[in-house]
Amino acid sequence: MKRCAVLFWLFLLLCKTAQAQGLSLIRDEEVERGLSFYLTPLFEQAGLEPKNMRIHLVRDDSINAFAVQGLHVFVHTGLLTKADNAQEVVAVLAHETGHIAGGHIVRLYENMRIARRNMLLSMVLGAVVAGASGRGDAAMGVMSGMMSSSQGLLAGYRRSEENAADETAVRLLTATGHDLSGFADIMRKLQKQEDLYDNDNAAPWRSHPMVRERLALISARPSKAADAKRVKRENDLFLRMKAKLDGFLSSPQKIKALYKDDSLPSRYARAVLAYRTGNFADAERQVDDLIKTEPENPYFYELKGQLLFETARGKEAIAPYEKAVGLLPDSDLFRIGLAQAVLSDEDAPDTNRALAVLSSVNADLPAVWRLKATAYGQSGQTGAAAYALAEYNLMTGDAKQARRFAKKAADLLPANDPSALKARDILEGLKENPPPQR
């Protein structure tokens, strides 16, 4: 049972959608941009296009990151909260960049397809043997042997690709002004994890080389002196990202123990903790102090806007969100926050302003369509609201509701209205390619 689950879980891990993986994704502009700052030089050195990368934060306490097709990089929050410095995080990202640059992900999908085919074949042959011999144990032997062979081959392939990714990571780290100390340190953390959970019975199906093997590889490579300026910038970003994530995700006891001094990261963590635990007046005071310290920091204004909005002070949240958007105008998340604040005044919502704010936001974000539906609905544009809800439900996987609202939009809007045409496209698309049942 345990062995047969290996391919299944590996397949889930590499599926494109977080829903298929059962991942809990969170969004944070500051952390995503910090990770992008780390990844950009790695991508450039690897011959990849940084502007095409997509970074996803996974709320999970384990030290992990992985990449899937389409330059999507998933980073567990545990990597950031358990690392001691930015160099450990950059080393893991260099490893994942090695997978992407080496074409490992594309080939892995093909190898998994072959493995799944072999597993299906084993079941067919098992049925044939059972029918011919009348012995169920013989059939199980055939199936078990072929499945074990497929799993072992796939795991062996994965181990070789992990070694190749480590080799590439060493090259990328050296080329981008890093020494190999962070790589070695994060490997030691993983070794403790491996020693805790390792099982000798799992060795033939191991998808990663033993950590001690990877440490040996790193130790055998010459390590150049790091670019001190680059490393300092990375570590400054890291301390703030880690403090913010700890503030939102870690226990109050941990935060009080780790963030006792008067440094900005410590103040940041304490402000987030106060907000998270419902000490709103204290949180607002602390956030205002942060803003006084760095009046051009957009993330502090975002935090204040979020605090005010979520404590039913939406009209007051508009000003800090406006400041955040002004300082970082290309932030979709900030614009969504501003639009929410603008629409929160139920007596006199400025729907035109909200729609203008959302006009430049990435239309692939479900929240955009939900807010557009609210704005259109509040302004009496029922047909446009129905179309926006159709898009929202399509993106969130509710085909039944998407079909219902698309039909409503097609019925209410003028036939030549662009939204009516798109609504009919949704209906046709659902008819030709019905989504799988959830």
Protein backbone atom coordinates (compact mmCIF):
# COMPACT_ATOMS: atom_id res chain seq x y z
CA MET A 1 0.00 0.00 0.00
CA LYS A 2 2.74 2.42 0.99
CA ARG A 3 4.78 1.61 -2.10
CA CYS A 4 1.83 1.92 -4.46
CA ALA A 5 1.14 5.39 -3.09
CA VAL A 6 4.52 6.74 -4.22
CA LEU A 7 3.53 7.45 -7.83
CA PHE A 8 0.14 8.76 -6.82
CA TRP A 9 1.55 11.35 -4.44
CA LEU A 10 4.31 12.31 -6.85
CA PHE A 11 1.70 12.85 -9.54
CA LEU A 12 -0.33 15.07 -7.20
CA LEU A 13 2.77 17.04 -6.33
CA LEU A 14 3.44 17.90 -9.94
CA CYS A 15 -0.12 18.70 -11.05
CA LYS A 16 -0.49 22.22 -12.36
CA THR A 17 -3.30 23.33 -10.12
CA ALA A 18 -3.08 23.85 -6.41
CA GLN A 19 -6.59 22.42 -6.10
CA ALA A 20 -5.40 19.11 -7.53
CA GLN A 21 -2.48 19.12 -5.11
CA GLY A 22 -4.59 20.02 -2.11
CA LEU A 23 -2.23 22.92 -1.40
CA SER A 24 -3.14 25.89 0.75
CA LEU A 25 -1.91 28.90 -1.21
CA ILE A 26 -1.53 32.38 0.25
CA ARG A 27 -0.74 35.68 -1.44
CA ASP A 28 1.61 38.36 -0.20
CA GLU A 29 3.11 41.04 -2.43
CA GLU A 30 6.16 41.63 -0.28
CA VAL A 31 7.16 37.99 -0.02
CA GLU A 32 6.47 37.25 -3.68
CA ARG A 33 8.59 40.21 -4.79
CA GLY A 34 11.36 39.24 -2.41
CA LEU A 35 11.45 35.72 -3.87
CA SER A 36 11.41 37.22 -7.35
CA PHE A 37 14.45 39.30 -6.40
CA TYR A 38 16.21 36.07 -5.42
CA LEU A 39 15.13 34.15 -8.51
CA THR A 40 15.72 36.74 -11.22
CA PRO A 41 19.54 36.47 -11.44
CA LEU A 42 19.29 32.68 -11.18
CA PHE A 43 16.85 32.58 -14.10
CA GLU A 44 19.02 34.96 -16.12
CA GLN A 45 22.13 32.82 -15.60
CA ALA A 46 20.14 29.71 -16.53
CA GLY A 47 18.90 31.26 -19.78
CA LEU A 48 15.29 31.53 -18.58
CA GLU A 49 13.04 34.57 -18.90
CA PRO A 50 12.40 36.07 -15.43
CA LYS A 51 9.31 37.99 -16.51
CA ASN A 52 7.57 34.68 -17.23
CA MET A 53 8.12 33.22 -13.75
CA ARG A 54 5.14 32.68 -11.47
CA ILE A 55 5.77 32.44 -7.74
CA HIS A 56 3.28 30.72 -5.45
CA LEU A 57 3.41 30.64 -1.64
CA VAL A 58 2.30 27.38 -0.04
CA ARG A 59 1.19 27.57 3.56
CA ASP A 60 3.11 24.58 4.87
CA ASP A 61 5.63 24.34 7.69
CA SER A 62 8.03 21.99 5.91
CA ILE A 63 11.30 23.03 4.28
CA ASN A 64 10.37 22.61 0.65
CA ALA A 65 9.98 24.19 -2.77
CA PHE A 66 9.14 22.70 -6.16
CA ALA A 67 8.58 23.74 -9.74
CA VAL A 68 6.04 22.65 -12.34
CA GLN A 69 5.63 23.28 -16.04
CA GLY A 70 5.19 26.87 -17.15
CA LEU A 71 7.92 28.40 -14.92
CA HIS A 72 5.71 28.08 -11.84
CA VAL A 73 7.75 27.93 -8.63
CA PHE A 74 6.02 26.91 -5.40
CA VAL A 75 7.72 27.89 -2.13
CA HIS A 76 6.61 26.53 1.24
CA THR A 77 6.38 29.11 4.01
CA GLY A 78 8.37 26.70 6.16
CA LEU A 79 11.41 27.26 3.96
CA LEU A 80 11.37 30.95 4.87
CA THR A 81 10.48 30.59 8.53
CA LYS A 82 12.98 27.80 9.22
CA ALA A 83 15.89 29.15 7.22
CA ASP A 84 18.46 31.21 9.12
CA ASN A 85 19.36 33.51 6.26
CA ALA A 86 18.60 34.34 2.65
CA GLN A 87 21.46 32.22 1.33
CA GLU A 88 19.70 29.03 2.40
CA VAL A 89 16.56 30.09 0.54
CA VAL A 90 18.49 31.15 -2.56
CA ALA A 91 20.24 27.77 -2.62
CA VAL A 92 16.90 25.94 -2.70
CA LEU A 93 15.64 28.26 -5.45
CA ALA A 94 18.84 27.64 -7.41
CA HIS A 95 18.15 23.90 -7.19
CA GLU A 96 14.61 24.36 -8.52
CA THR A 97 15.94 26.61 -11.28
CA GLY A 98 18.26 23.74 -12.18
CA HIS A 99 15.26 21.46 -12.62
CA ILE A 100 13.54 23.95 -14.93
CA ALA A 101 16.64 24.75 -16.99
CA GLY A 102 17.50 21.06 -17.33
CA GLY A 103 14.10 20.18 -18.75
CA HIS A 104 13.58 17.73 -15.90
CA ILE A 105 9.96 18.68 -15.31
CA VAL A 106 8.89 18.04 -18.90
CA ARG A 107 10.72 14.71 -18.97
CA LEU A 108 9.32 13.76 -15.58
CA TYR A 109 5.77 14.17 -16.87
CA GLU A 110 6.64 11.82 -19.74
CA ASN A 111 8.28 9.29 -17.40
CA MET A 112 5.26 9.40 -15.15
CA ARG A 113 3.00 8.80 -18.13
CA ILE A 114 5.07 5.74 -18.99
CA ALA A 115 5.01 4.58 -15.36
CA ARG A 116 1.24 4.92 -15.21
CA ARG A 117 0.96 2.97 -18.47
CA ASN A 118 3.13 0.19 -17.02
CA MET A 119 1.03 0.07 -13.88
CA LEU A 120 -2.12 -0.28 -15.99
CA LEU A 121 -0.44 -2.99 -18.03
CA SER A 122 0.47 -4.84 -14.85
CA MET A 123 -3.18 -4.87 -13.83
CA VAL A 124 -4.23 -6.24 -17.23
CA LEU A 125 -1.57 -8.96 -17.16
CA GLY A 126 -2.51 -9.78 -13.59
CA ALA A 127 -6.11 -10.30 -14.67
CA VAL A 128 -4.98 -12.54 -17.54
CA VAL A 129 -2.84 -14.66 -15.22
CA ALA A 130 -5.66 -14.94 -12.72
CA GLY A 131 -8.07 -16.05 -15.43
CA ALA A 132 -5.68 -18.60 -16.89
CA SER A 133 -4.44 -20.09 -13.63
CA GLY A 134 -7.32 -19.45 -11.31
CA ARG A 135 -4.76 -18.26 -8.76
CA GLY A 136 -5.15 -14.79 -7.32
CA ASP A 137 -1.75 -14.95 -5.64
CA ALA A 138 -0.05 -15.39 -9.04
CA ALA A 139 -1.87 -12.36 -10.38
CA MET A 140 -0.81 -10.31 -7.37
CA GLY A 141 2.78 -11.40 -7.90
CA VAL A 142 2.75 -10.19 -11.51
CA MET A 143 1.17 -6.84 -10.58
CA SER A 144 3.44 -6.29 -7.58
CA GLY A 145 6.58 -7.09 -9.56
CA MET A 146 5.75 -4.76 -12.44
CA MET A 147 4.63 -1.95 -10.14
CA SER A 148 7.78 -2.24 -8.04
CA SER A 149 9.91 -2.15 -11.18
CA SER A 150 8.12 0.95 -12.49
CA GLN A 151 8.38 2.73 -9.16
CA GLY A 152 12.04 1.85 -8.77
CA LEU A 153 12.89 3.07 -12.29
CA LEU A 154 11.01 6.33 -11.77
CA ALA A 155 12.66 6.92 -8.41
CA GLY A 156 16.06 6.21 -9.94
CA TYR A 157 15.35 8.69 -12.70
CA ARG A 158 14.36 11.27 -10.10
CA ARG A 159 17.56 10.73 -8.12
CA SER A 160 19.70 11.33 -11.20
CA GLU A 161 17.80 14.51 -12.00
CA GLU A 162 18.17 15.71 -8.40
CA ASN A 163 21.93 15.26 -8.68
CA ALA A 164 21.94 17.20 -11.95
CA ALA A 165 19.88 20.00 -10.37
CA ASP A 166 22.35 20.19 -7.50
CA GLU A 167 25.23 20.50 -9.97
CA THR A 168 23.41 23.29 -11.79
CA ALA A 169 22.60 25.01 -8.50
CA VAL A 170 26.28 25.10 -7.58
CA ARG A 171 27.07 26.73 -10.93
CA LEU A 172 24.23 29.25 -10.66
CA LEU A 173 25.11 30.23 -7.09
CA THR A 174 28.73 30.84 -8.03
CA ALA A 175 27.74 32.85 -11.11
CA THR A 176 25.36 35.09 -9.13
CA GLY A 177 27.80 36.07 -6.41
CA HIS A 178 26.99 33.50 -3.72
CA ASP A 179 29.20 31.11 -1.86
CA LEU A 180 28.00 27.59 -1.09
CA SER A 181 27.55 28.01 2.66
CA GLY A 182 23.78 28.47 2.41
CA PHE A 183 23.46 25.34 0.28
CA ALA A 184 25.38 23.29 2.82
CA ASP A 185 23.44 24.73 5.76
CA ILE A 186 20.01 24.01 4.29
CA MET A 187 21.17 20.48 3.41
CA ARG A 188 22.08 19.92 7.06
CA LYS A 189 18.60 21.01 8.08
CA LEU A 190 17.16 18.55 5.58
CA GLN A 191 19.46 15.84 6.90
CA LYS A 192 17.94 16.21 10.37
CA GLN A 193 14.51 15.89 8.79
CA GLU A 194 15.64 12.85 6.80
CA ASP A 195 17.16 11.17 9.87
CA LEU A 196 13.89 11.67 11.69
CA TYR A 197 11.62 10.20 9.03
CA ASP A 198 13.85 7.92 7.00
CA ASN A 199 12.82 4.29 6.56
CA ASP A 200 15.19 1.67 5.13
CA ASN A 201 12.26 -0.04 3.42
CA ALA A 202 11.71 3.10 1.33
CA ALA A 203 15.27 3.20 -0.05
CA PRO A 204 14.52 1.58 -3.44
CA TRP A 205 11.76 4.13 -4.06
CA ARG A 206 13.67 7.17 -2.79
CA SER A 207 13.15 10.07 -5.22
CA HIS A 208 16.04 12.19 -3.84
CA PRO A 209 19.66 11.25 -3.17
CA MET A 210 20.59 10.90 0.47
CA VAL A 211 21.41 14.28 1.96
CA ARG A 212 24.88 13.12 2.94
CA GLU A 213 25.55 12.44 -0.77
CA ARG A 214 24.41 15.93 -1.66
CA LEU A 215 26.55 17.47 1.07
CA ALA A 216 29.54 15.58 -0.28
CA LEU A 217 28.89 17.03 -3.74
CA ILE A 218 28.72 20.57 -2.35
CA SER A 219 31.83 20.14 -0.22
CA ALA A 220 33.79 18.90 -3.23
CA ARG A 221 33.07 22.07 -5.22
CA PRO A 222 35.22 25.19 -4.86
CA SER A 223 33.33 28.07 -3.27
CA LYS A 224 34.12 31.64 -4.28
CA ALA A 225 33.67 34.64 -2.02
CA ALA A 226 30.14 36.01 -2.05
CA ASP A 227 29.09 39.41 -3.40
CA ALA A 228 28.74 41.17 -0.03
CA LYS A 229 26.45 43.93 -1.33
CA ARG A 230 24.07 41.49 -2.99
CA VAL A 231 24.04 39.18 0.01
CA LYS A 232 23.28 42.06 2.40
CA ARG A 233 20.33 43.16 0.27
CA GLU A 234 19.03 39.58 0.16
CA ASN A 235 19.36 39.16 3.90
CA ASP A 236 17.64 42.49 4.64
CA LEU A 237 14.68 41.32 2.54
CA PHE A 238 14.76 37.90 4.17
CA LEU A 239 14.56 39.25 7.72
CA ARG A 240 11.45 41.25 6.87
CA MET A 241 9.77 38.42 4.97
CA LYS A 242 10.48 35.97 7.76
CA ALA A 243 9.23 38.40 10.43
CA LYS A 244 6.02 39.04 8.51
CA LEU A 245 5.31 35.36 7.92
CA ASP A 246 6.10 34.51 11.53
CA GLY A 247 3.75 37.28 12.62
CA PHE A 248 0.92 35.79 10.62
CA LEU A 249 1.65 32.08 10.99
CA SER A 250 3.71 31.32 14.10
CA SER A 251 2.59 31.01 17.70
CA PRO A 252 2.55 34.13 19.88
CA GLN A 253 5.05 32.40 22.19
CA LYS A 254 7.53 31.95 19.35
CA ILE A 255 7.16 35.54 18.19
CA LYS A 256 7.62 36.94 21.69
CA ALA A 257 10.73 34.80 22.12
CA LEU A 258 12.33 35.60 18.76
CA TYR A 259 11.35 39.23 18.22
CA LYS A 260 12.21 41.02 21.45
CA ASP A 261 14.57 43.75 20.23
CA ASP A 262 13.83 47.11 18.63
CA SER A 263 14.94 46.18 15.11
CA LEU A 264 12.51 46.86 12.30
CA PRO A 265 11.87 43.15 11.58
CA SER A 266 11.02 42.59 15.26
CA ARG A 267 8.67 45.57 15.31
CA TYR A 268 7.09 44.29 12.10
CA ALA A 269 6.47 40.84 13.55
CA ARG A 270 4.97 42.28 16.73
CA ALA A 271 2.66 44.61 14.78
CA VAL A 272 1.39 41.72 12.66
CA LEU A 273 0.90 39.58 15.75
CA ALA A 274 -1.13 42.33 17.45
CA TYR A 275 -3.34 42.60 14.37
CA ARG A 276 -3.71 38.84 14.05
CA THR A 277 -4.66 38.35 17.68
CA GLY A 278 -7.28 41.12 17.70
CA ASN A 279 -5.33 43.85 19.54
CA PHE A 280 -6.36 46.28 16.82
CA ALA A 281 -5.68 49.59 18.58
CA ASP A 282 -2.17 48.43 19.53
CA ALA A 283 -1.62 47.05 16.04
CA GLU A 284 -2.63 50.34 14.43
CA ARG A 285 -0.28 52.26 16.71
CA GLN A 286 2.59 49.92 15.86
CA VAL A 287 1.90 50.09 12.12
CA ASP A 288 1.81 53.90 12.30
CA ASP A 289 5.22 53.79 14.00
CA LEU A 290 6.53 51.62 11.17
CA ILE A 291 5.20 54.10 8.62
CA LYS A 292 6.94 56.96 10.44
CA THR A 293 10.18 55.00 10.26
CA GLU A 294 9.81 54.24 6.54
CA PRO A 295 7.22 56.58 5.01
CA GLU A 296 7.90 55.26 1.50
CA ASN A 297 7.39 51.58 2.34
CA PRO A 298 4.25 50.41 0.45
CA TYR A 299 3.87 47.23 2.50
CA PHE A 300 3.28 49.13 5.74
CA TYR A 301 0.47 51.11 4.11
CA GLU A 302 -1.01 47.89 2.77
CA LEU A 303 -0.96 46.39 6.25
CA LYS A 304 -2.72 49.44 7.68
CA GLY A 305 -5.32 49.35 4.90
CA GLN A 306 -5.91 45.66 5.54
CA LEU A 307 -6.27 46.26 9.28
CA LEU A 308 -8.78 49.09 8.79
CA PHE A 309 -10.80 47.25 6.15
CA GLU A 310 -11.09 44.07 8.20
CA THR A 311 -12.22 46.01 11.26
CA ALA A 312 -15.17 47.54 9.37
CA ARG A 313 -13.44 50.85 8.67
CA GLY A 314 -13.44 50.52 4.92
CA LYS A 315 -13.70 54.25 4.15
CA GLU A 316 -10.63 54.92 6.33
CA ALA A 317 -8.79 52.08 4.55
CA ILE A 318 -8.99 53.90 1.21
CA ALA A 319 -6.23 56.40 2.02
CA PRO A 320 -3.52 53.90 3.03
CA TYR A 321 -4.41 51.63 0.12
CA GLU A 322 -4.16 54.61 -2.23
CA LYS A 323 -0.73 55.37 -0.84
CA ALA A 324 0.34 51.76 -1.30
CA VAL A 325 -0.88 51.73 -4.91
CA GLY A 326 0.86 55.05 -5.55
CA LEU A 327 4.14 53.63 -4.30
CA LEU A 328 3.73 50.30 -6.12
CA PRO A 329 1.30 50.93 -9.01
CA ASP A 330 1.83 47.57 -10.71
CA SER A 331 0.65 45.58 -7.67
CA ASP A 332 -2.54 43.67 -8.45
CA LEU A 333 -3.02 42.80 -4.79
CA PHE A 334 -2.85 46.44 -3.70
CA ARG A 335 -5.38 47.44 -6.36
CA ILE A 336 -7.73 44.68 -5.27
CA GLY A 337 -7.44 45.92 -1.68
CA LEU A 338 -8.19 49.48 -2.77
CA ALA A 339 -11.20 48.38 -4.83
CA GLN A 340 -12.57 46.45 -1.84
CA ALA A 341 -12.22 49.51 0.36
CA VAL A 342 -13.91 51.75 -2.21
CA LEU A 343 -16.85 49.35 -2.52
CA SER A 344 -17.22 48.87 1.23
CA ASP A 345 -19.34 52.01 1.65
CA GLU A 346 -22.77 50.46 1.17
CA ASP A 347 -24.51 53.84 1.29
CA ALA A 348 -22.48 55.49 -1.46
CA PRO A 349 -20.02 53.08 -3.11
CA ASP A 350 -17.98 54.69 -5.88
CA THR A 351 -18.47 51.89 -8.40
CA ASN A 352 -16.94 53.78 -11.32
CA ARG A 353 -13.77 54.37 -9.33
CA ALA A 354 -13.60 50.74 -8.24
CA LEU A 355 -13.97 49.55 -11.83
CA ALA A 356 -11.28 52.00 -12.94
CA VAL A 357 -8.92 50.67 -10.26
CA LEU A 358 -9.61 47.09 -11.39
CA SER A 359 -9.26 47.84 -15.10
CA SER A 360 -5.50 47.27 -15.10
CA VAL A 361 -5.51 44.25 -12.76
CA ASN A 362 -4.68 40.79 -14.11
CA ALA A 363 -8.00 39.32 -15.27
CA ASP A 364 -6.78 35.82 -14.37
CA LEU A 365 -7.39 36.56 -10.68
CA PRO A 366 -10.83 35.37 -9.49
CA ALA A 367 -11.07 38.18 -6.93
CA VAL A 368 -11.08 40.72 -9.77
CA TRP A 369 -14.26 39.26 -11.23
CA ARG A 370 -15.92 38.97 -7.84
CA LEU A 371 -15.28 42.67 -7.19
CA LYS A 372 -16.38 43.64 -10.69
CA ALA A 373 -19.62 41.72 -10.11
CA THR A 374 -20.12 43.65 -6.86
CA ALA A 375 -19.47 46.99 -8.58
CA TYR A 376 -21.77 46.24 -11.49
CA GLY A 377 -24.46 44.94 -9.16
CA GLN A 378 -24.29 48.01 -6.93
CA SER A 379 -24.64 50.27 -9.97
CA GLY A 380 -27.64 48.34 -11.34
CA GLN A 381 -25.82 46.76 -14.31
CA THR A 382 -27.34 43.32 -13.84
CA GLY A 383 -26.19 41.83 -17.13
CA ALA A 384 -22.57 42.90 -16.64
CA ALA A 385 -22.69 41.61 -13.06
CA ALA A 386 -23.95 38.23 -14.31
CA TYR A 387 -21.11 38.02 -16.84
CA ALA A 388 -18.52 38.85 -14.13
CA LEU A 389 -19.99 36.14 -11.90
CA ALA A 390 -19.81 33.67 -14.79
CA GLU A 391 -16.07 34.38 -15.14
CA TYR A 392 -15.58 34.16 -11.37
CA ASN A 393 -17.31 30.79 -11.07
CA LEU A 394 -15.51 29.45 -14.13
CA MET A 395 -12.16 30.30 -12.52
CA THR A 396 -13.12 28.83 -9.16
CA GLY A 397 -14.30 25.57 -10.73
CA ASP A 398 -18.07 25.85 -10.27
CA ALA A 399 -19.24 24.94 -13.78
CA LYS A 400 -22.92 24.84 -12.82
CA GLN A 401 -22.91 28.40 -11.53
CA ALA A 402 -20.70 29.59 -14.40
CA ARG A 403 -23.21 28.20 -16.88
CA ARG A 404 -26.14 29.77 -15.03
CA PHE A 405 -24.64 33.25 -14.88
CA ALA A 406 -23.31 33.08 -18.45
CA LYS A 407 -26.81 32.27 -19.69
CA LYS A 408 -28.25 35.11 -17.63
CA ALA A 409 -25.67 37.54 -19.03
CA ALA A 410 -26.34 36.41 -22.62
CA ASP A 411 -30.06 36.96 -22.06
CA LEU A 412 -29.77 40.37 -20.39
CA LEU A 413 -27.02 42.05 -22.41
CA PRO A 414 -27.43 43.38 -25.97
CA ALA A 415 -26.49 40.68 -28.47
CA ASN A 416 -23.47 42.58 -29.78
CA ASP A 417 -22.15 43.60 -26.36
CA PRO A 418 -18.58 42.24 -25.90
CA SER A 419 -19.53 40.74 -22.52
CA ALA A 420 -22.53 38.98 -24.09
CA LEU A 421 -20.25 37.49 -26.74
CA LYS A 422 -17.83 36.30 -24.06
CA ALA A 423 -20.72 34.85 -22.05
CA ARG A 424 -21.80 32.83 -25.07
CA ASP A 425 -18.19 31.70 -25.49
CA ILE A 426 -18.28 30.40 -21.91
CA LEU A 427 -21.48 28.48 -22.65
CA GLU A 428 -20.00 26.95 -25.79
CA GLY A 429 -16.78 26.09 -24.02
CA LEU A 430 -18.62 24.33 -21.20
CA LYS A 431 -20.71 22.44 -23.72
CA GLU A 432 -17.70 21.21 -25.73
CA ASN A 433 -15.33 20.63 -22.82
CA PRO A 434 -17.32 19.98 -19.67
CA PRO A 435 -15.07 20.13 -16.61
CA PRO A 436 -14.67 16.99 -14.49
CA GLN A 437 -16.99 16.61 -11.54
CA ARG A 438 -15.49 17.98 -8.33
